[in-house]
N, C-alpha and C. Protein backbone atom coordinates (compact mmCIF):
# COMPACT_ATOMS: atom_id res chain seq x y z
N UNK A 1 -12.18 111.05 85.01
CA UNK A 1 -11.96 110.99 86.59
C UNK A 1 -13.27 110.80 87.05
N UNK A 2 -13.16 109.89 88.14
CA UNK A 2 -14.41 109.36 88.87
C UNK A 2 -14.66 110.65 89.93
N UNK A 3 -16.03 110.46 90.46
CA UNK A 3 -16.29 111.34 91.41
C UNK A 3 -15.37 111.36 92.71
N UNK A 4 -15.18 110.04 93.14
CA UNK A 4 -14.33 109.87 94.22
C UNK A 4 -12.77 110.53 94.15
N UNK A 5 -12.27 110.26 92.74
CA UNK A 5 -10.95 110.94 92.36
C UNK A 5 -11.18 112.45 92.46
N UNK A 6 -12.11 113.08 92.02
CA UNK A 6 -12.44 114.63 91.82
C UNK A 6 -12.40 114.98 93.41
N UNK A 7 -13.10 114.40 94.18
CA UNK A 7 -13.38 114.91 95.81
C UNK A 7 -11.93 114.74 96.27
N UNK A 8 -11.08 113.70 96.06
CA UNK A 8 -9.97 113.54 96.58
C UNK A 8 -8.82 114.60 96.20
N UNK A 9 -9.02 114.90 95.05
CA UNK A 9 -8.02 115.82 94.35
C UNK A 9 -8.39 117.32 94.89
N UNK A 10 -9.62 117.66 95.11
CA UNK A 10 -10.00 119.01 95.65
C UNK A 10 -9.56 118.97 97.08
N UNK A 11 -9.80 117.91 97.71
CA UNK A 11 -9.36 117.90 99.16
C UNK A 11 -7.70 118.10 99.32
N UNK A 12 -6.79 117.51 98.49
CA UNK A 12 -5.72 117.58 98.31
C UNK A 12 -5.20 119.04 98.14
N UNK A 13 -5.86 119.76 97.36
CA UNK A 13 -5.80 121.14 97.15
C UNK A 13 -6.20 122.17 98.22
N UNK A 14 -6.69 121.51 99.25
CA UNK A 14 -7.16 122.44 100.55
C UNK A 14 -8.28 122.87 100.51
N UNK A 15 -9.40 122.37 99.54
CA UNK A 15 -10.82 122.87 99.68
C UNK A 15 -11.63 122.25 100.84
N UNK A 16 -12.42 123.13 101.33
CA UNK A 16 -13.26 122.48 102.55
C UNK A 16 -14.32 121.66 102.15
N UNK A 17 -14.66 120.82 102.98
CA UNK A 17 -15.85 119.87 102.86
C UNK A 17 -17.15 120.61 101.99
N UNK A 18 -17.42 121.68 102.65
CA UNK A 18 -18.56 122.37 102.03
C UNK A 18 -18.31 123.00 100.84
N UNK A 19 -17.07 123.32 100.28
CA UNK A 19 -16.79 123.83 99.14
C UNK A 19 -16.84 122.55 97.99
N UNK A 20 -16.05 121.41 98.42
CA UNK A 20 -16.11 120.32 97.57
C UNK A 20 -17.85 120.02 97.30
N UNK A 21 -18.45 119.92 98.33
CA UNK A 21 -19.85 119.42 98.40
C UNK A 21 -20.51 120.21 97.31
N UNK A 22 -20.32 121.63 97.24
CA UNK A 22 -21.11 122.58 96.47
C UNK A 22 -20.47 122.16 94.86
N UNK A 23 -19.20 122.14 94.67
CA UNK A 23 -18.63 122.00 93.56
C UNK A 23 -18.86 120.74 92.87
N UNK A 24 -19.05 119.65 93.54
CA UNK A 24 -19.26 118.38 92.86
C UNK A 24 -20.81 117.93 92.90
N UNK A 25 -21.57 118.57 93.81
CA UNK A 25 -22.69 118.38 93.80
C UNK A 25 -23.57 117.18 94.54
N UNK A 26 -22.67 116.84 95.56
CA UNK A 26 -23.16 115.78 96.55
C UNK A 26 -23.03 116.32 97.86
N UNK A 27 -23.70 115.51 98.91
CA UNK A 27 -23.77 115.95 100.35
C UNK A 27 -22.50 116.06 100.97
N UNK A 28 -22.32 116.95 101.84
CA UNK A 28 -21.04 117.01 102.56
C UNK A 28 -20.85 115.82 103.50
N UNK A 29 -21.75 114.96 103.76
CA UNK A 29 -21.58 113.73 104.43
C UNK A 29 -20.85 112.79 103.44
N UNK A 30 -21.13 112.64 102.08
CA UNK A 30 -20.47 111.92 101.49
C UNK A 30 -19.12 112.25 101.04
N UNK A 31 -18.89 113.57 100.98
CA UNK A 31 -17.44 114.11 101.04
C UNK A 31 -16.69 113.97 102.14
N UNK A 32 -17.14 113.91 103.39
CA UNK A 32 -16.37 113.47 104.36
C UNK A 32 -16.10 112.00 104.51
N UNK A 33 -17.13 111.12 104.20
CA UNK A 33 -16.82 109.62 103.94
C UNK A 33 -15.51 109.40 103.18
N UNK A 34 -15.65 109.97 101.82
CA UNK A 34 -14.66 109.73 100.84
C UNK A 34 -13.22 110.27 101.40
N UNK A 35 -13.15 111.35 102.00
CA UNK A 35 -11.95 111.98 102.61
C UNK A 35 -11.43 111.07 103.68
N UNK A 36 -12.26 110.61 104.49
CA UNK A 36 -11.85 109.71 105.61
C UNK A 36 -11.29 108.39 104.88
N UNK A 37 -11.98 107.97 103.82
CA UNK A 37 -11.36 106.82 103.34
C UNK A 37 -10.03 106.73 102.63
N UNK A 38 -9.89 108.24 102.14
CA UNK A 38 -8.62 108.52 101.36
C UNK A 38 -7.48 108.58 102.36
N UNK A 39 -7.95 109.13 103.73
CA UNK A 39 -6.68 109.40 104.63
C UNK A 39 -6.52 107.86 105.41
N UNK A 40 -7.17 106.87 105.13
CA UNK A 40 -6.89 105.61 105.72
C UNK A 40 -6.50 104.55 104.58
N UNK A 41 -5.24 104.57 104.06
CA UNK A 41 -4.79 103.77 102.85
C UNK A 41 -5.20 102.27 102.92
N UNK A 42 -5.18 101.64 104.19
CA UNK A 42 -5.49 100.42 104.25
C UNK A 42 -7.20 100.11 103.90
N UNK A 43 -7.88 101.00 104.59
CA UNK A 43 -9.22 100.79 104.04
C UNK A 43 -9.49 101.13 102.60
N UNK A 44 -8.92 102.27 102.25
CA UNK A 44 -9.05 102.52 101.03
C UNK A 44 -8.83 101.46 99.93
N UNK A 45 -7.61 100.81 100.17
CA UNK A 45 -7.37 99.72 99.17
C UNK A 45 -8.19 98.45 99.27
N UNK A 46 -8.56 98.22 100.52
CA UNK A 46 -9.51 97.26 100.67
C UNK A 46 -11.05 97.46 99.92
N UNK A 47 -11.37 98.62 99.95
CA UNK A 47 -12.67 98.87 99.36
C UNK A 47 -12.60 98.79 97.78
N UNK A 48 -11.38 98.95 97.38
CA UNK A 48 -11.18 98.88 95.67
C UNK A 48 -11.31 97.39 95.28
N UNK A 49 -11.21 96.40 96.16
CA UNK A 49 -11.07 94.98 95.70
C UNK A 49 -12.62 94.53 95.63
């Protein structure tokens, strides 16, 4: 499981940005960025190419 997948999974389970940040060991800014990308499917798909 990639870091991005882990962040998205925790987000889907209802964890807060701060909680995810502490659990995964990355900044809350990065967590917020990943979550916003996952909430915007068009942008998310484009970033995978």
